[in-house]
Amino acid sequence: MDIKNCKEQSDLIFDIYRTSIDYSYWGYVLEKLADYVDGKASITSRDNHSGHVQAIDIFTTKTHGFDLEYIDKYIQGVYLSDVWTKIEHSHNLGEICQFSQHLPFDKLAQTDFYINWLKPQNIKDGLAIQLFKTENYRIVLNVFFDDEDGLDKLLKDLEVFIPHLSQAVEIWMYSIGSEQKSPFQIKEHFLKQSCGLTDKEIAIAQAYIYIDNRNAIAEAFNISPETVKSYLYNIRQKMGGISAEDMKKKIGSFASVG
C-alpha cells in the first residue's frame, strides 16, 4: 500500500467536502488536481442548450492557472467556438471524458478554438467530468494540460475522487436551491421525518461521515469541538441511541435512496 498516496488522497477528499460548506475551497481542490499534470483546472456552470458559462449565476466560475484575460474572453464569446463542449456534453454524469480520444490533436489544431484560445495558454488536451445536471444547466469539472506526464495517476485517482466530488457539489447545489430533486434531498426528508433531525444536525452528521474530524468540522461550522461532540451525541440519541459507526452506516446508506 502506498501510504503517502493514501494520505494525499485523504487530504484532497477532506478539501472536496469542505467545498460543500464553503465554495471558496474549490481553489484548493482545483490546484491539487491541476498539479498532477502541471496544468490548469476549472469548475463551471454551463447552460445545457448554449454551452454558455454562467459566470455570475448560481455557480461562480472557479479556476486555477488561467489568466483573467482568457477567462473573460471565453465567457464573452469564445465558448461559441469551443469544439470540446459537445464532446463533454455527450458523456454521462461522473464519466471521465478525455477530449483527445474523441478529437485527435491534429484536427483540434486546425480549429479557431485551439488557435485563438488553447494554444496561447499551452493547452493541447483536457478532461471533463459532469458532476451535477438539471434540465437547464450542468456543473462541469475540467483539467487542462499540455502533455500527459502525470495523467495516468490523475485518471486513477479521479476514480476515487469522483463520487466525493459529485456528492459535495450536490450538497452545495441543494443548499443554495436547485430545481432538481436529488437523492440528497430525499435522504434529508427521511432523516427529518423519521428521526426528527434538524437541518444543522443533518449537515453536521453528513460532514462527520466524510470528514470524521471534530476539530475540522468545528472550524467549518464556526463552532467549538465540544459543540460538535454535543451535536453528534444528540443525533445518535434521536436515531435510537446507536453508536457513532452505526450512525455513519445508517445515514450513509440513505445516499442511494431514490
C-alpha atoms as a PDB file:
ATOM      1  CA  MET A   1       0.000   0.000   0.000  1.00  0.00           C
ATOM      2  CA  ASP A   2       1.272   3.472  -0.915  1.00  0.00           C
ATOM      3  CA  ILE A   3       0.803   5.242   2.421  1.00  0.00           C
ATOM      4  CA  LYS A   4       1.908   8.604   1.026  1.00  0.00           C
ATOM      5  CA  ASN A   5      -0.639   8.440  -1.791  1.00  0.00           C
ATOM      6  CA  CYS A   6      -3.396   7.373   0.633  1.00  0.00           C
ATOM      7  CA  LYS A   7      -2.609  10.384   2.807  1.00  0.00           C
ATOM      8  CA  GLU A   8      -2.667  12.708  -0.216  1.00  0.00           C
ATOM      9  CA  GLN A   9      -5.994  11.264  -1.349  1.00  0.00           C
ATOM     10  CA  SER A  10      -7.452  11.622   2.132  1.00  0.00           C
ATOM     11  CA  ASP A  11      -6.338  15.259   2.347  1.00  0.00           C
ATOM     12  CA  LEU A  12      -7.925  16.068  -1.013  1.00  0.00           C
ATOM     13  CA  ILE A  13     -11.181  14.295  -0.123  1.00  0.00           C
ATOM     14  CA  PHE A  14     -11.273  16.399   3.036  1.00  0.00           C
ATOM     15  CA  ASP A  15     -10.962  19.591   0.941  1.00  0.00           C
ATOM     16  CA  ILE A  16     -13.584  18.298  -1.507  1.00  0.00           C
ATOM     17  CA  TYR A  17     -16.199  18.053   1.230  1.00  0.00           C
ATOM     18  CA  ARG A  18     -15.274  21.446   2.580  1.00  0.00           C
ATOM     19  CA  THR A  19     -16.462  22.880  -0.757  1.00  0.00           C
ATOM     20  CA  SER A  20     -19.985  21.753   0.154  1.00  0.00           C
ATOM     21  CA  ILE A  21     -19.822  24.156   3.113  1.00  0.00           C
ATOM     22  CA  ASP A  22     -17.571  26.902   1.726  1.00  0.00           C
ATOM     23  CA  TYR A  23     -17.390  27.235  -2.071  1.00  0.00           C
ATOM     24  CA  SER A  24     -14.063  29.078  -1.903  1.00  0.00           C
ATOM     25  CA  TYR A  25     -12.337  25.762  -1.082  1.00  0.00           C
ATOM     26  CA  TRP A  26     -12.640  24.868  -4.751  1.00  0.00           C
ATOM     27  CA  GLY A  27      -9.468  26.902  -5.168  1.00  0.00           C
ATOM     28  CA  TYR A  28      -7.515  24.315  -3.171  1.00  0.00           C
ATOM     29  CA  VAL A  29      -9.157  21.352  -4.912  1.00  0.00           C
ATOM     30  CA  LEU A  30      -8.530  22.717  -8.407  1.00  0.00           C
ATOM     31  CA  GLU A  31      -4.909  23.488  -7.588  1.00  0.00           C
ATOM     32  CA  LYS A  32      -4.274  19.947  -6.358  1.00  0.00           C
ATOM     33  CA  LEU A  33      -5.921  18.368  -9.414  1.00  0.00           C
ATOM     34  CA  ALA A  34      -4.053  20.647 -11.827  1.00  0.00           C
ATOM     35  CA  ASP A  35      -0.742  19.840 -10.128  1.00  0.00           C
ATOM     36  CA  TYR A  36      -0.982  16.193 -11.237  1.00  0.00           C
ATOM     37  CA  VAL A  37      -0.339  17.291 -14.836  1.00  0.00           C
ATOM     38  CA  ASP A  38       1.251  20.701 -14.238  1.00  0.00           C
ATOM     39  CA  GLY A  39      -1.808  22.184 -15.893  1.00  0.00           C
ATOM     40  CA  LYS A  40      -4.931  24.234 -15.276  1.00  0.00           C
ATOM     41  CA  ALA A  41      -8.355  23.413 -13.863  1.00  0.00           C
ATOM     42  CA  SER A  42     -11.832  24.871 -13.581  1.00  0.00           C
ATOM     43  CA  ILE A  43     -15.321  24.193 -12.327  1.00  0.00           C
ATOM     44  CA  THR A  44     -18.154  25.925 -14.140  1.00  0.00           C
ATOM     45  CA  SER A  45     -21.904  26.022 -14.507  1.00  0.00           C
ATOM     46  CA  ARG A  46     -22.891  25.611 -18.161  1.00  0.00           C
ATOM     47  CA  ASP A  47     -26.173  26.191 -19.909  1.00  0.00           C
ATOM     48  CA  ASN A  48     -27.256  22.844 -21.399  1.00  0.00           C
ATOM     49  CA  HIS A  49     -28.521  24.428 -24.600  1.00  0.00           C
ATOM     50  CA  SER A  50     -25.973  27.115 -25.468  1.00  0.00           C
ATOM     51  CA  GLY A  51     -22.913  25.828 -23.591  1.00  0.00           C
ATOM     52  CA  HIS A  52     -22.514  29.304 -22.108  1.00  0.00           C
ATOM     53  CA  VAL A  53     -20.566  29.514 -18.864  1.00  0.00           C
ATOM     54  CA  GLN A  54     -22.783  31.096 -16.227  1.00  0.00           C
ATOM     55  CA  ALA A  55     -20.221  33.260 -14.513  1.00  0.00           C
ATOM     56  CA  ILE A  56     -22.493  35.260 -12.253  1.00  0.00           C
ATOM     57  CA  ASP A  57     -25.408  32.886 -11.819  1.00  0.00           C
ATOM     58  CA  ILE A  58     -25.802  30.303  -9.047  1.00  0.00           C
ATOM     59  CA  PHE A  59     -22.279  28.977  -9.540  1.00  0.00           C
ATOM     60  CA  THR A  60     -19.441  31.467  -9.801  1.00  0.00           C
ATOM     61  CA  THR A  61     -16.715  30.170 -12.092  1.00  0.00           C
ATOM     62  CA  LYS A  62     -13.639  28.955 -10.213  1.00  0.00           C
ATOM     63  CA  THR A  63     -10.352  28.401 -11.997  1.00  0.00           C
ATOM     64  CA  HIS A  64      -6.708  27.613 -11.316  1.00  0.00           C
ATOM     65  CA  GLY A  65      -3.816  28.571 -13.591  1.00  0.00           C
ATOM     66  CA  PHE A  66      -5.733  30.743 -16.070  1.00  0.00           C
ATOM     67  CA  ASP A  67      -5.054  34.394 -16.798  1.00  0.00           C
ATOM     68  CA  LEU A  68      -8.119  36.525 -16.141  1.00  0.00           C
ATOM     69  CA  GLU A  69      -7.880  37.838 -19.711  1.00  0.00           C
ATOM     70  CA  TYR A  70      -8.590  34.388 -21.148  1.00  0.00           C
ATOM     71  CA  ILE A  71     -11.382  33.659 -18.710  1.00  0.00           C
ATOM     72  CA  ASP A  72     -13.098  36.867 -19.780  1.00  0.00           C
ATOM     73  CA  LYS A  73     -12.580  36.056 -23.468  1.00  0.00           C
ATOM     74  CA  TYR A  74     -14.142  32.642 -23.032  1.00  0.00           C
ATOM     75  CA  ILE A  75     -17.197  33.930 -21.177  1.00  0.00           C
ATOM     76  CA  GLN A  76     -17.666  36.817 -23.595  1.00  0.00           C
ATOM     77  CA  GLY A  77     -17.815  34.617 -26.694  1.00  0.00           C
ATOM     78  CA  VAL A  78     -15.013  32.076 -27.197  1.00  0.00           C
ATOM     79  CA  TYR A  79     -17.350  29.402 -25.783  1.00  0.00           C
ATOM     80  CA  LEU A  80     -19.238  29.609 -29.099  1.00  0.00           C
ATOM     81  CA  SER A  81     -16.215  28.113 -30.915  1.00  0.00           C
ATOM     82  CA  ASP A  82     -15.432  25.550 -28.179  1.00  0.00           C
ATOM     83  CA  VAL A  83     -15.281  22.256 -30.075  1.00  0.00           C
ATOM     84  CA  TRP A  84     -14.906  20.346 -26.821  1.00  0.00           C
ATOM     85  CA  THR A  85     -18.328  21.350 -25.436  1.00  0.00           C
ATOM     86  CA  LYS A  86     -20.394  18.862 -27.443  1.00  0.00           C
ATOM     87  CA  ILE A  87     -17.941  16.072 -26.636  1.00  0.00           C
ATOM     88  CA  GLU A  88     -18.182  16.876 -22.935  1.00  0.00           C
ATOM     89  CA  HIS A  89     -21.988  17.108 -23.019  1.00  0.00           C
ATOM     90  CA  SER A  90     -22.334  13.678 -24.655  1.00  0.00           C
ATOM     91  CA  HIS A  91     -20.903  11.890 -21.625  1.00  0.00           C
ATOM     92  CA  ASN A  92     -22.806  10.613 -18.619  1.00  0.00           C
ATOM     93  CA  LEU A  93     -22.667  12.075 -15.135  1.00  0.00           C
ATOM     94  CA  GLY A  94     -19.476  11.067 -13.344  1.00  0.00           C
ATOM     95  CA  GLU A  95     -17.857   9.731 -16.524  1.00  0.00           C
ATOM     96  CA  ILE A  96     -14.338  10.924 -17.377  1.00  0.00           C
ATOM     97  CA  CYS A  97     -14.110  12.448 -20.840  1.00  0.00           C
ATOM     98  CA  GLN A  98     -10.634  12.884 -22.346  1.00  0.00           C
ATOM     99  CA  PHE A  99     -11.018  15.167 -25.338  1.00  0.00           C
ATOM    100  CA  SER A 100      -8.151  13.766 -27.436  1.00  0.00           C
ATOM    101  CA  GLN A 101      -9.872  10.371 -27.525  1.00  0.00           C
ATOM    102  CA  HIS A 102     -12.728  11.963 -29.477  1.00  0.00           C
ATOM    103  CA  LEU A 103     -10.932  14.753 -31.355  1.00  0.00           C
ATOM    104  CA  PRO A 104      -7.265  13.993 -32.187  1.00  0.00           C
ATOM    105  CA  PHE A 105      -4.820  16.844 -31.745  1.00  0.00           C
ATOM    106  CA  ASP A 106      -4.087  17.183 -35.478  1.00  0.00           C
ATOM    107  CA  LYS A 107      -7.759  18.049 -36.048  1.00  0.00           C
ATOM    108  CA  LEU A 108      -8.034  20.186 -32.910  1.00  0.00           C
ATOM    109  CA  ALA A 109      -5.011  22.235 -34.049  1.00  0.00           C
ATOM    110  CA  GLN A 110      -6.918  23.378 -37.145  1.00  0.00           C
ATOM    111  CA  THR A 111      -9.771  24.943 -35.157  1.00  0.00           C
ATOM    112  CA  ASP A 112     -10.203  28.581 -34.173  1.00  0.00           C
ATOM    113  CA  PHE A 113     -10.753  27.429 -30.601  1.00  0.00           C
ATOM    114  CA  TYR A 114      -7.250  25.974 -30.437  1.00  0.00           C
ATOM    115  CA  ILE A 115      -5.524  28.753 -32.394  1.00  0.00           C
ATOM    116  CA  ASN A 116      -7.114  31.648 -30.511  1.00  0.00           C
ATOM    117  CA  TRP A 117      -7.651  30.275 -27.016  1.00  0.00           C
ATOM    118  CA  LEU A 118      -5.949  26.964 -26.229  1.00  0.00           C
ATOM    119  CA  LYS A 119      -2.585  27.465 -27.938  1.00  0.00           C
ATOM    120  CA  PRO A 120      -1.728  30.802 -26.240  1.00  0.00           C
ATOM    121  CA  GLN A 121      -2.239  29.024 -22.902  1.00  0.00           C
ATOM    122  CA  ASN A 122      -0.210  25.908 -23.819  1.00  0.00           C
ATOM    123  CA  ILE A 123      -3.234  23.610 -23.687  1.00  0.00           C
ATOM    124  CA  LYS A 124      -3.375  20.596 -26.007  1.00  0.00           C
ATOM    125  CA  ASP A 125      -5.774  18.266 -24.210  1.00  0.00           C
ATOM    126  CA  GLY A 126      -8.109  18.085 -21.248  1.00  0.00           C
ATOM    127  CA  LEU A 127     -10.508  16.098 -19.136  1.00  0.00           C
ATOM    128  CA  ALA A 128     -14.131  16.899 -18.365  1.00  0.00           C
ATOM    129  CA  ILE A 129     -16.427  15.388 -15.744  1.00  0.00           C
ATOM    130  CA  GLN A 130     -20.057  16.371 -15.360  1.00  0.00           C
ATOM    131  CA  LEU A 131     -20.678  16.342 -11.613  1.00  0.00           C
ATOM    132  CA  PHE A 132     -24.274  17.579 -11.464  1.00  0.00           C
ATOM    133  CA  LYS A 133     -27.019  18.112 -14.037  1.00  0.00           C
ATOM    134  CA  THR A 134     -30.527  19.524 -14.205  1.00  0.00           C
ATOM    135  CA  GLU A 135     -32.798  20.215 -17.149  1.00  0.00           C
ATOM    136  CA  ASN A 136     -31.259  23.633 -17.721  1.00  0.00           C
ATOM    137  CA  TYR A 137     -27.635  23.503 -16.615  1.00  0.00           C
ATOM    138  CA  ARG A 138     -24.772  21.262 -15.612  1.00  0.00           C
ATOM    139  CA  ILE A 139     -21.766  21.591 -13.319  1.00  0.00           C
ATOM    140  CA  VAL A 140     -18.539  20.555 -15.037  1.00  0.00           C
ATOM    141  CA  LEU A 141     -15.029  19.954 -13.686  1.00  0.00           C
ATOM    142  CA  ASN A 142     -12.190  20.375 -16.190  1.00  0.00           C
ATOM    143  CA  VAL A 143      -8.462  19.712 -16.026  1.00  0.00           C
ATOM    144  CA  PHE A 144      -6.349  21.016 -18.936  1.00  0.00           C
ATOM    145  CA  PHE A 145      -2.765  20.130 -19.850  1.00  0.00           C
ATOM    146  CA  ASP A 146      -0.013  20.342 -22.460  1.00  0.00           C
ATOM    147  CA  ASP A 147       1.402  16.813 -22.202  1.00  0.00           C
ATOM    148  CA  GLU A 148       0.426  13.576 -20.489  1.00  0.00           C
ATOM    149  CA  ASP A 149       3.063  13.478 -17.743  1.00  0.00           C
ATOM    150  CA  GLY A 150       1.164  12.559 -14.588  1.00  0.00           C
ATOM    151  CA  LEU A 151      -2.069  11.828 -16.462  1.00  0.00           C
ATOM    152  CA  ASP A 152      -2.219   8.115 -15.621  1.00  0.00           C
ATOM    153  CA  LYS A 153      -2.028   8.844 -11.901  1.00  0.00           C
ATOM    154  CA  LEU A 154      -4.650  11.585 -12.204  1.00  0.00           C
ATOM    155  CA  LEU A 155      -7.050   9.259 -14.045  1.00  0.00           C
ATOM    156  CA  LYS A 156      -6.535   6.538 -11.450  1.00  0.00           C
ATOM    157  CA  ASP A 157      -7.068   8.887  -8.504  1.00  0.00           C
ATOM    158  CA  LEU A 158     -10.101  10.518 -10.129  1.00  0.00           C
ATOM    159  CA  GLU A 159     -11.872   7.169  -9.936  1.00  0.00           C
ATOM    160  CA  VAL A 160     -11.564   7.564  -6.151  1.00  0.00           C
ATOM    161  CA  PHE A 161     -12.447  11.270  -6.103  1.00  0.00           C
ATOM    162  CA  ILE A 162     -15.428  11.440  -8.468  1.00  0.00           C
ATOM    163  CA  PRO A 163     -18.094  10.048  -6.084  1.00  0.00           C
ATOM    164  CA  HIS A 164     -16.956  12.560  -3.449  1.00  0.00           C
ATOM    165  CA  LEU A 165     -16.797  15.428  -5.945  1.00  0.00           C
ATOM    166  CA  SER A 166     -20.323  14.639  -7.147  1.00  0.00           C
ATOM    167  CA  GLN A 167     -21.816  14.451  -3.685  1.00  0.00           C
ATOM    168  CA  ALA A 168     -20.071  17.607  -2.479  1.00  0.00           C
ATOM    169  CA  VAL A 169     -21.475  19.527  -5.466  1.00  0.00           C
ATOM    170  CA  GLU A 170     -24.919  18.017  -4.918  1.00  0.00           C
ATOM    171  CA  ILE A 171     -24.958  19.103  -1.274  1.00  0.00           C
ATOM    172  CA  TRP A 172     -23.858  22.622  -2.229  1.00  0.00           C
ATOM    173  CA  MET A 173     -26.384  22.900  -5.045  1.00  0.00           C
ATOM    174  CA  TYR A 174     -29.206  21.849  -2.770  1.00  0.00           C
ATOM    175  CA  SER A 175     -28.085  24.271  -0.073  1.00  0.00           C
ATOM    176  CA  ILE A 176     -28.346  27.206  -2.495  1.00  0.00           C
ATOM    177  CA  GLY A 177     -31.563  25.996  -4.120  1.00  0.00           C
ATOM    178  CA  SER A 178     -31.580  23.631  -7.072  1.00  0.00           C
ATOM    179  CA  GLU A 179     -34.562  22.781  -9.264  1.00  0.00           C
ATOM    180  CA  GLN A 180     -33.674  19.106  -9.204  1.00  0.00           C
ATOM    181  CA  LYS A 181     -34.969  16.771  -6.509  1.00  0.00           C
ATOM    182  CA  SER A 182     -31.851  14.805  -5.729  1.00  0.00           C
ATOM    183  CA  PRO A 183     -31.070  11.705  -3.633  1.00  0.00           C
ATOM    184  CA  PHE A 184     -29.611  14.044  -1.022  1.00  0.00           C
ATOM    185  CA  GLN A 185     -32.915  15.901  -0.728  1.00  0.00           C
ATOM    186  CA  ILE A 186     -34.782  12.613  -0.401  1.00  0.00           C
ATOM    187  CA  LYS A 187     -32.338  11.473   2.277  1.00  0.00           C
ATOM    188  CA  GLU A 188     -32.708  14.737   4.184  1.00  0.00           C
ATOM    189  CA  HIS A 189     -36.502  14.481   4.121  1.00  0.00           C
ATOM    190  CA  PHE A 190     -36.299  10.947   5.512  1.00  0.00           C
ATOM    191  CA  LEU A 191     -33.965  11.981   8.333  1.00  0.00           C
ATOM    192  CA  LYS A 192     -36.236  14.864   9.294  1.00  0.00           C
ATOM    193  CA  GLN A 193     -39.410  12.793   9.237  1.00  0.00           C
ATOM    194  CA  SER A 194     -38.185   9.539  10.752  1.00  0.00           C
ATOM    195  CA  CYS A 195     -35.531  10.777  13.194  1.00  0.00           C
ATOM    196  CA  GLY A 196     -36.531  14.369  13.869  1.00  0.00           C
ATOM    197  CA  LEU A 197     -33.131  15.737  12.886  1.00  0.00           C
ATOM    198  CA  THR A 198     -32.768  19.476  12.270  1.00  0.00           C
ATOM    199  CA  ASP A 199     -31.060  20.999   9.218  1.00  0.00           C
ATOM    200  CA  LYS A 200     -27.952  21.749  11.281  1.00  0.00           C
ATOM    201  CA  GLU A 201     -27.842  18.218  12.702  1.00  0.00           C
ATOM    202  CA  ILE A 202     -28.110  16.704   9.233  1.00  0.00           C
ATOM    203  CA  ALA A 203     -25.317  18.931   7.925  1.00  0.00           C
ATOM    204  CA  ILE A 204     -23.026  18.007  10.827  1.00  0.00           C
ATOM    205  CA  ALA A 205     -23.838  14.308  10.548  1.00  0.00           C
ATOM    206  CA  GLN A 206     -23.090  14.432   6.826  1.00  0.00           C
ATOM    207  CA  ALA A 207     -19.781  16.183   7.462  1.00  0.00           C
ATOM    208  CA  TYR A 208     -18.879  13.623  10.138  1.00  0.00           C
ATOM    209  CA  ILE A 209     -19.374  10.731   7.703  1.00  0.00           C
ATOM    210  CA  TYR A 210     -16.844  12.078   5.246  1.00  0.00           C
ATOM    211  CA  ILE A 211     -14.507  14.212   7.329  1.00  0.00           C
ATOM    212  CA  ASP A 212     -14.566  12.341  10.682  1.00  0.00           C
ATOM    213  CA  ASN A 213     -12.584  15.058  12.417  1.00  0.00           C
ATOM    214  CA  ARG A 214     -14.329  17.103  15.117  1.00  0.00           C
ATOM    215  CA  ASN A 215     -11.832  19.953  15.020  1.00  0.00           C
ATOM    216  CA  ALA A 216     -12.165  20.316  11.244  1.00  0.00           C
ATOM    217  CA  ILE A 217     -15.963  20.179  11.434  1.00  0.00           C
ATOM    218  CA  ALA A 218     -15.932  22.764  14.208  1.00  0.00           C
ATOM    219  CA  GLU A 219     -13.820  25.094  12.092  1.00  0.00           C
ATOM    220  CA  ALA A 220     -16.059  24.613   9.048  1.00  0.00           C
ATOM    221  CA  PHE A 221     -19.251  25.374  11.015  1.00  0.00           C
ATOM    222  CA  ASN A 222     -17.653  28.063  13.180  1.00  0.00           C
ATOM    223  CA  ILE A 223     -18.490  26.243  16.429  1.00  0.00           C
ATOM    224  CA  SER A 224     -16.377  24.594  19.129  1.00  0.00           C
ATOM    225  CA  PRO A 225     -15.270  20.931  19.033  1.00  0.00           C
ATOM    226  CA  GLU A 226     -17.299  20.376  22.225  1.00  0.00           C
ATOM    227  CA  THR A 227     -20.394  21.682  20.466  1.00  0.00           C
ATOM    228  CA  VAL A 228     -19.735  19.253  17.604  1.00  0.00           C
ATOM    229  CA  LYS A 229     -19.457  16.440  20.161  1.00  0.00           C
ATOM    230  CA  SER A 230     -22.781  17.502  21.691  1.00  0.00           C
ATOM    231  CA  TYR A 231     -24.467  17.618  18.273  1.00  0.00           C
ATOM    232  CA  LEU A 232     -23.225  14.135  17.401  1.00  0.00           C
ATOM    233  CA  TYR A 233     -24.446  12.746  20.727  1.00  0.00           C
ATOM    234  CA  ASN A 234     -27.902  14.259  20.229  1.00  0.00           C
ATOM    235  CA  ILE A 235     -28.078  12.926  16.678  1.00  0.00           C
ATOM    236  CA  ARG A 236     -27.264   9.402  17.860  1.00  0.00           C
ATOM    237  CA  GLN A 237     -29.879   9.653  20.609  1.00  0.00           C
ATOM    238  CA  LYS A 238     -32.544  10.761  18.131  1.00  0.00           C
ATOM    239  CA  MET A 239     -31.622   7.768  15.986  1.00  0.00           C
ATOM    240  CA  GLY A 240     -32.213   5.355  18.852  1.00  0.00           C
ATOM    241  CA  GLY A 241     -29.048   5.618  20.905  1.00  0.00           C
ATOM    242  CA  ILE A 242     -26.906   3.998  18.224  1.00  0.00           C
ATOM    243  CA  SER A 243     -23.097   4.063  18.083  1.00  0.00           C
ATOM    244  CA  ALA A 244     -21.120   6.556  16.022  1.00  0.00           C
ATOM    245  CA  GLU A 245     -20.210   3.844  13.497  1.00  0.00           C
ATOM    246  CA  ASP A 246     -23.834   2.726  13.171  1.00  0.00           C
ATOM    247  CA  MET A 247     -24.858   6.357  12.687  1.00  0.00           C
ATOM    248  CA  LYS A 248     -22.367   6.674   9.830  1.00  0.00           C
ATOM    249  CA  LYS A 249     -23.625   3.486   8.202  1.00  0.00           C
ATOM    250  CA  LYS A 250     -27.281   4.385   8.605  1.00  0.00           C
ATOM    251  CA  ILE A 251     -27.009   7.918   7.271  1.00  0.00           C
ATOM    252  CA  GLY A 252     -24.572   6.904   4.551  1.00  0.00           C
ATOM    253  CA  SER A 253     -26.891   4.126   3.356  1.00  0.00           C
ATOM    254  CA  PHE A 254     -29.582   6.678   2.508  1.00  0.00           C
ATOM    255  CA  ALA A 255     -27.349   8.141  -0.207  1.00  0.00           C
ATOM    256  CA  SER A 256     -28.659   5.642  -2.749  1.00  0.00           C
ATOM    257  CA  VAL A 257     -32.315   6.197  -1.915  1.00  0.00           C
ATOM    258  CA  GLY A 258     -34.386   7.383  -4.900  1.00  0.00           C
END
